[in-house]
Protein backbone atom coordinates (compact mmCIF):
# COMPACT_ATOMS: atom_id res chain seq x y z
CA MET A 1 88.81 94.49 101.21
CA PHE A 2 91.47 97.46 101.11
CA ASP A 3 91.06 101.23 100.55
CA ILE A 4 93.95 102.35 98.56
CA ASP A 5 95.03 106.16 99.44
CA GLY A 6 95.95 106.66 102.77
CA THR A 7 95.52 103.04 103.70
CA LEU A 8 97.82 100.91 101.48
CA LEU A 9 99.99 103.67 99.95
CA SER A 10 100.51 107.39 99.52
CA THR A 11 101.24 108.71 96.21
CA ALA A 12 102.67 112.13 97.48
CA GLY A 13 99.62 114.04 95.98
CA ALA A 14 100.02 112.48 92.29
CA GLY A 15 96.20 112.09 92.08
CA ARG A 16 95.39 115.52 93.22
CA ARG A 17 97.94 117.07 90.77
CA ALA A 18 96.71 114.95 87.85
CA LEU A 19 93.06 116.00 88.52
CA ALA A 20 93.87 119.60 88.94
CA GLN A 21 95.49 119.51 85.37
CA ALA A 22 92.91 117.45 83.93
CA PHE A 23 90.30 120.15 85.05
CA PHE A 24 92.57 122.99 83.57
CA ASP A 25 93.18 121.43 80.52
CA LEU A 26 89.45 120.60 79.70
CA PHE A 27 87.63 123.21 81.19
CA GLY A 28 90.13 126.06 82.23
CA PHE A 29 89.30 125.85 86.04
CA THR A 30 92.25 127.19 88.09
CA ALA A 31 93.31 125.82 91.25
CA ALA A 32 90.35 123.22 90.49
CA MET A 33 91.28 121.01 93.64
CA ASP A 34 91.46 123.88 96.32
CA GLY A 35 89.22 123.27 99.05
CA VAL A 36 88.15 119.84 97.79
CA ARG A 37 88.50 117.22 100.27
CA LEU A 38 89.94 113.76 98.85
CA HIS A 39 89.91 111.78 102.01
CA GLY A 40 87.20 109.03 102.05
CA ALA A 41 85.69 110.59 98.59
CA THR A 42 85.02 108.74 95.51
CA ASP A 43 85.92 109.79 92.14
CA PRO A 44 82.56 110.65 91.12
CA LYS A 45 81.83 112.66 94.09
CA ILE A 46 85.32 114.51 93.65
CA LEU A 47 84.02 115.47 90.24
CA GLU A 48 80.67 116.51 91.57
CA GLN A 49 82.26 118.90 93.96
CA VAL A 50 84.70 120.42 91.55
CA PHE A 51 81.95 121.07 88.89
CA GLN A 52 79.64 122.56 91.73
CA LYS A 53 82.38 124.85 92.77
CA HIS A 54 83.23 126.22 89.50
CA ARG A 55 80.14 125.91 87.58
CA GLY A 56 77.38 125.45 90.14
CA ASN A 57 75.97 122.20 88.39
CA SER A 58 76.98 118.61 88.01
CA PRO A 59 78.94 117.21 85.26
CA SER A 60 77.40 115.63 82.40
CA ALA A 61 78.37 111.81 81.69
CA ALA A 62 80.40 113.07 78.76
CA GLU A 63 82.15 115.52 80.91
CA SER A 64 82.77 113.14 83.56
CA GLU A 65 84.27 110.64 80.97
CA ALA A 66 86.44 113.34 79.54
CA VAL A 67 87.95 114.32 82.62
CA LEU A 68 88.55 110.76 84.05
CA ALA A 69 90.21 109.79 80.50
CA ARG A 70 92.43 113.16 80.84
CA TYR A 71 93.10 112.22 84.52
CA LEU A 72 94.30 108.68 83.92
CA ALA A 73 96.83 109.70 81.35
CA LEU A 74 98.24 112.36 83.56
CA LEU A 75 98.07 110.07 86.51
CA ALA A 76 100.43 107.81 84.95
CA LEU A 77 103.06 110.67 84.10
CA GLU A 78 102.69 112.27 87.95
CA LEU A 79 103.38 108.43 89.31
CA GLU A 80 106.41 108.34 87.33
CA ARG A 81 107.58 111.82 88.66
CA THR A 82 106.92 111.03 92.21
CA GLN A 83 109.21 108.34 92.61
CA GLY A 84 110.76 108.68 96.15
CA GLY A 85 107.60 110.19 97.28
CA TYR A 86 105.69 107.24 96.74
CA GLN A 87 105.46 104.92 99.52
CA VAL A 88 103.40 101.61 100.34
CA LEU A 89 102.44 102.25 104.03
CA PRO A 90 103.91 100.25 106.99
CA GLY A 91 102.84 96.42 106.89
CA GLY A 92 100.47 96.95 103.64
CA GLU A 93 102.70 94.54 101.21
CA ALA A 94 103.14 92.15 104.14
CA LEU A 95 99.79 91.99 105.18
CA VAL A 96 98.24 91.43 101.66
CA SER A 97 101.00 89.04 100.54
CA ALA A 98 100.25 86.93 104.08
CA LEU A 99 96.46 87.10 103.10
CA VAL A 100 97.02 86.05 99.56
CA ALA A 101 99.38 83.15 100.34
CA THR A 102 97.11 81.32 102.73
CA GLY A 103 94.68 80.34 99.91
CA ARG A 104 91.80 80.70 102.42
CA HIS A 105 91.11 84.44 102.03
CA ALA A 106 89.64 86.61 99.11
CA VAL A 107 91.55 89.86 98.98
CA GLY A 108 90.22 92.67 97.28
CA LEU A 109 89.76 96.62 97.13
CA ALA A 110 87.32 98.77 98.32
CA THR A 111 88.33 102.20 96.82
CA GLY A 112 86.74 105.33 95.63
CA ASN A 113 89.19 105.42 92.73
CA VAL A 114 87.86 104.22 89.26
CA GLU A 115 89.40 100.84 88.60
CA ALA A 116 91.82 102.03 86.06
CA GLY A 117 93.14 104.51 88.45
CA ALA A 118 93.31 102.02 91.21
CA ARG A 119 95.53 99.80 89.23
CA LEU A 120 97.78 102.43 88.20
CA LYS A 121 98.42 103.54 91.74
CA LEU A 122 99.08 99.98 92.99
CA ARG A 123 101.52 99.26 90.34
CA PRO A 124 104.71 101.06 91.56
CA GLY A 125 104.40 99.34 94.86
CA GLY A 126 104.16 95.96 93.14
CA LEU A 127 100.49 95.44 94.56
CA ASP A 128 98.25 95.38 91.53
CA GLN A 129 98.45 91.70 90.73
CA LYS A 130 97.39 90.92 94.45
CA PHE A 131 93.76 92.15 94.18
CA ARG A 132 91.73 89.95 91.63
CA PHE A 133 88.33 91.91 92.43
CA GLY A 134 87.17 94.94 94.14
CA GLY A 135 84.53 97.70 94.35
CA PHE A 136 85.54 101.17 92.87
CA GLY A 137 84.54 104.75 92.01
CA SER A 138 83.56 103.39 88.58
CA ASP A 139 81.16 101.06 90.07
CA ALA A 140 79.48 103.69 92.21
CA GLY A 141 79.85 107.02 93.60
CA ASP A 142 78.47 106.05 96.99
CA ARG A 143 81.08 104.23 99.11
CA ALA A 144 78.71 101.92 100.70
CA GLU A 145 77.42 100.92 97.30
CA LEU A 146 80.83 100.28 95.98
CA VAL A 147 81.76 98.18 99.07
CA ALA A 148 78.58 96.13 98.54
CA HIS A 149 79.86 95.43 94.72
CA ALA A 150 83.18 94.33 96.52
CA ILE A 151 81.47 91.97 98.67
CA ARG A 152 79.49 90.37 95.88
CA ARG A 153 82.63 89.89 93.86
CA GLY A 154 84.47 88.44 96.78
CA GLN A 155 81.90 86.03 97.51
CA ALA A 156 82.06 85.08 93.91
CA GLU A 157 85.90 84.55 94.39
CA LEU A 158 85.40 82.40 97.42
CA ALA A 159 83.04 80.22 95.37
CA GLN A 160 85.79 79.67 92.62
CA LEU A 161 88.17 78.69 95.38
CA GLY A 162 85.75 76.14 96.44
CA ARG A 163 85.17 77.71 99.83
CA PRO A 164 81.75 78.56 101.38
CA ALA A 165 80.45 81.94 101.31
CA ALA A 166 81.98 84.23 103.94
CA THR A 167 79.44 85.58 106.84
CA PRO A 168 79.35 89.21 107.62
CA GLN A 169 81.57 88.64 110.55
CA GLU A 170 84.11 87.24 108.23
CA ILE A 171 84.29 90.27 105.90
CA PHE A 172 86.68 93.07 106.80
CA VAL A 173 87.01 96.59 105.16
CA LEU A 174 90.11 98.45 105.98
CA GLY A 175 90.32 101.98 105.64
CA ASP A 176 91.74 105.12 106.76
CA THR A 177 88.63 107.47 106.91
CA GLU A 178 85.31 107.55 108.69
CA GLN A 179 83.74 107.09 105.34
CA ASP A 180 85.23 103.63 105.22
CA VAL A 181 83.95 102.77 108.49
CA MET A 182 80.66 104.07 107.76
CA ALA A 183 80.48 102.11 104.52
CA ALA A 184 81.31 99.02 106.23
CA ARG A 185 78.49 99.55 108.84
CA ARG A 186 76.04 100.14 106.28
CA THR A 187 76.90 96.91 104.48
CA GLY A 188 76.92 95.05 107.84
CA VAL A 189 80.67 94.07 107.83
CA VAL A 190 83.62 94.43 110.01
CA ALA A 191 85.21 98.20 109.82
CA ILE A 192 88.98 98.29 110.53
CA GLY A 193 90.45 101.83 110.96
CA ILE A 194 94.31 102.26 110.09
CA LEU A 195 95.91 105.34 111.28
CA ALA A 196 99.27 105.10 109.82
CA GLY A 197 98.38 107.10 106.57
CA SER A 198 95.25 108.92 107.55
CA GLY A 199 94.85 112.39 106.67
CA VAL A 200 91.90 112.79 109.23
CA PRO A 201 92.88 110.60 112.29
CA ASP A 202 90.70 112.33 114.81
CA ASP A 203 87.63 111.64 112.53
CA LEU A 204 88.66 108.15 112.26
CA ARG A 205 88.98 107.57 115.90
CA GLN A 206 85.70 109.39 116.75
CA SER A 207 83.87 107.08 114.02
CA GLN A 208 84.89 104.04 116.35
CA PRO A 209 85.73 101.23 114.07
CA ASP A 210 85.40 97.71 115.20
CA LEU A 211 89.33 97.68 115.45
CA LEU A 212 91.55 100.77 115.18
CA CYS A 213 95.17 100.03 114.39
CA GLU A 214 98.34 102.29 114.39
CA SER A 215 99.48 100.37 111.27
CA MET A 216 98.88 97.22 109.39
CA TRP A 217 101.72 95.78 111.51
CA ASP A 218 99.25 95.86 114.42
CA PRO A 219 99.45 92.17 116.06
CA ALA A 220 95.77 92.69 116.74
CA LEU A 221 94.91 93.04 113.19
CA TRP A 222 96.93 89.87 112.04
CA ALA A 223 95.19 87.90 114.82
CA ALA A 224 91.66 89.20 113.63
CA LEU A 225 92.53 87.93 110.23
CA SER A 226 93.52 84.74 111.29
CA LEU A 227 97.14 85.36 110.60
CA GLU A 228 100.49 84.69 112.11
CA ARG A 229 102.65 88.01 112.09
CA PRO A 230 106.24 87.54 110.92
């Protein structure tokens, strides 16, 4: 299961800009995202941070829904404008495609993005159709909880493929932050850290994932996933 931002791809700040504009449009918050850490955060937690910073309280369900709806509309525009700044990180497309091609793996997402935002971010890189399930910020604000959602859906995917359920040692969470590592540990599965797009590489190293890779081209990663690297 793959995290998106900083792991699979970089949107060159499209998400941050879209959120900042959404908060300004709806609530007049200026510089809404200044000082807000996005690395490893889920969309619900980001909204909580911004409302606490500007208003000192949590958003209502209606306010959260309004912000996310405006954000998604703006995100689509920002991704179109980003063009050359958008990139799939090294080895990402090759690794995901190789996993899907085996027919033996259930390949999903474990991302703090709400599902609609995740799909928008994956689309320019041609990755959106490769993930049939996942755990998302729209499932839970807590990262370990959304990973648990992804695991349940992944097990269901394996059942549909006629394959036995995966053991914890056969379930891998790939991410670029210590939050990804902690979420994998809390759900009892294997944590893989990817440094290539990490905004906080020292924190990722210090979290001591089960496997730490410079990029998704790392031969040790391909071997751990029972793949032959091209």
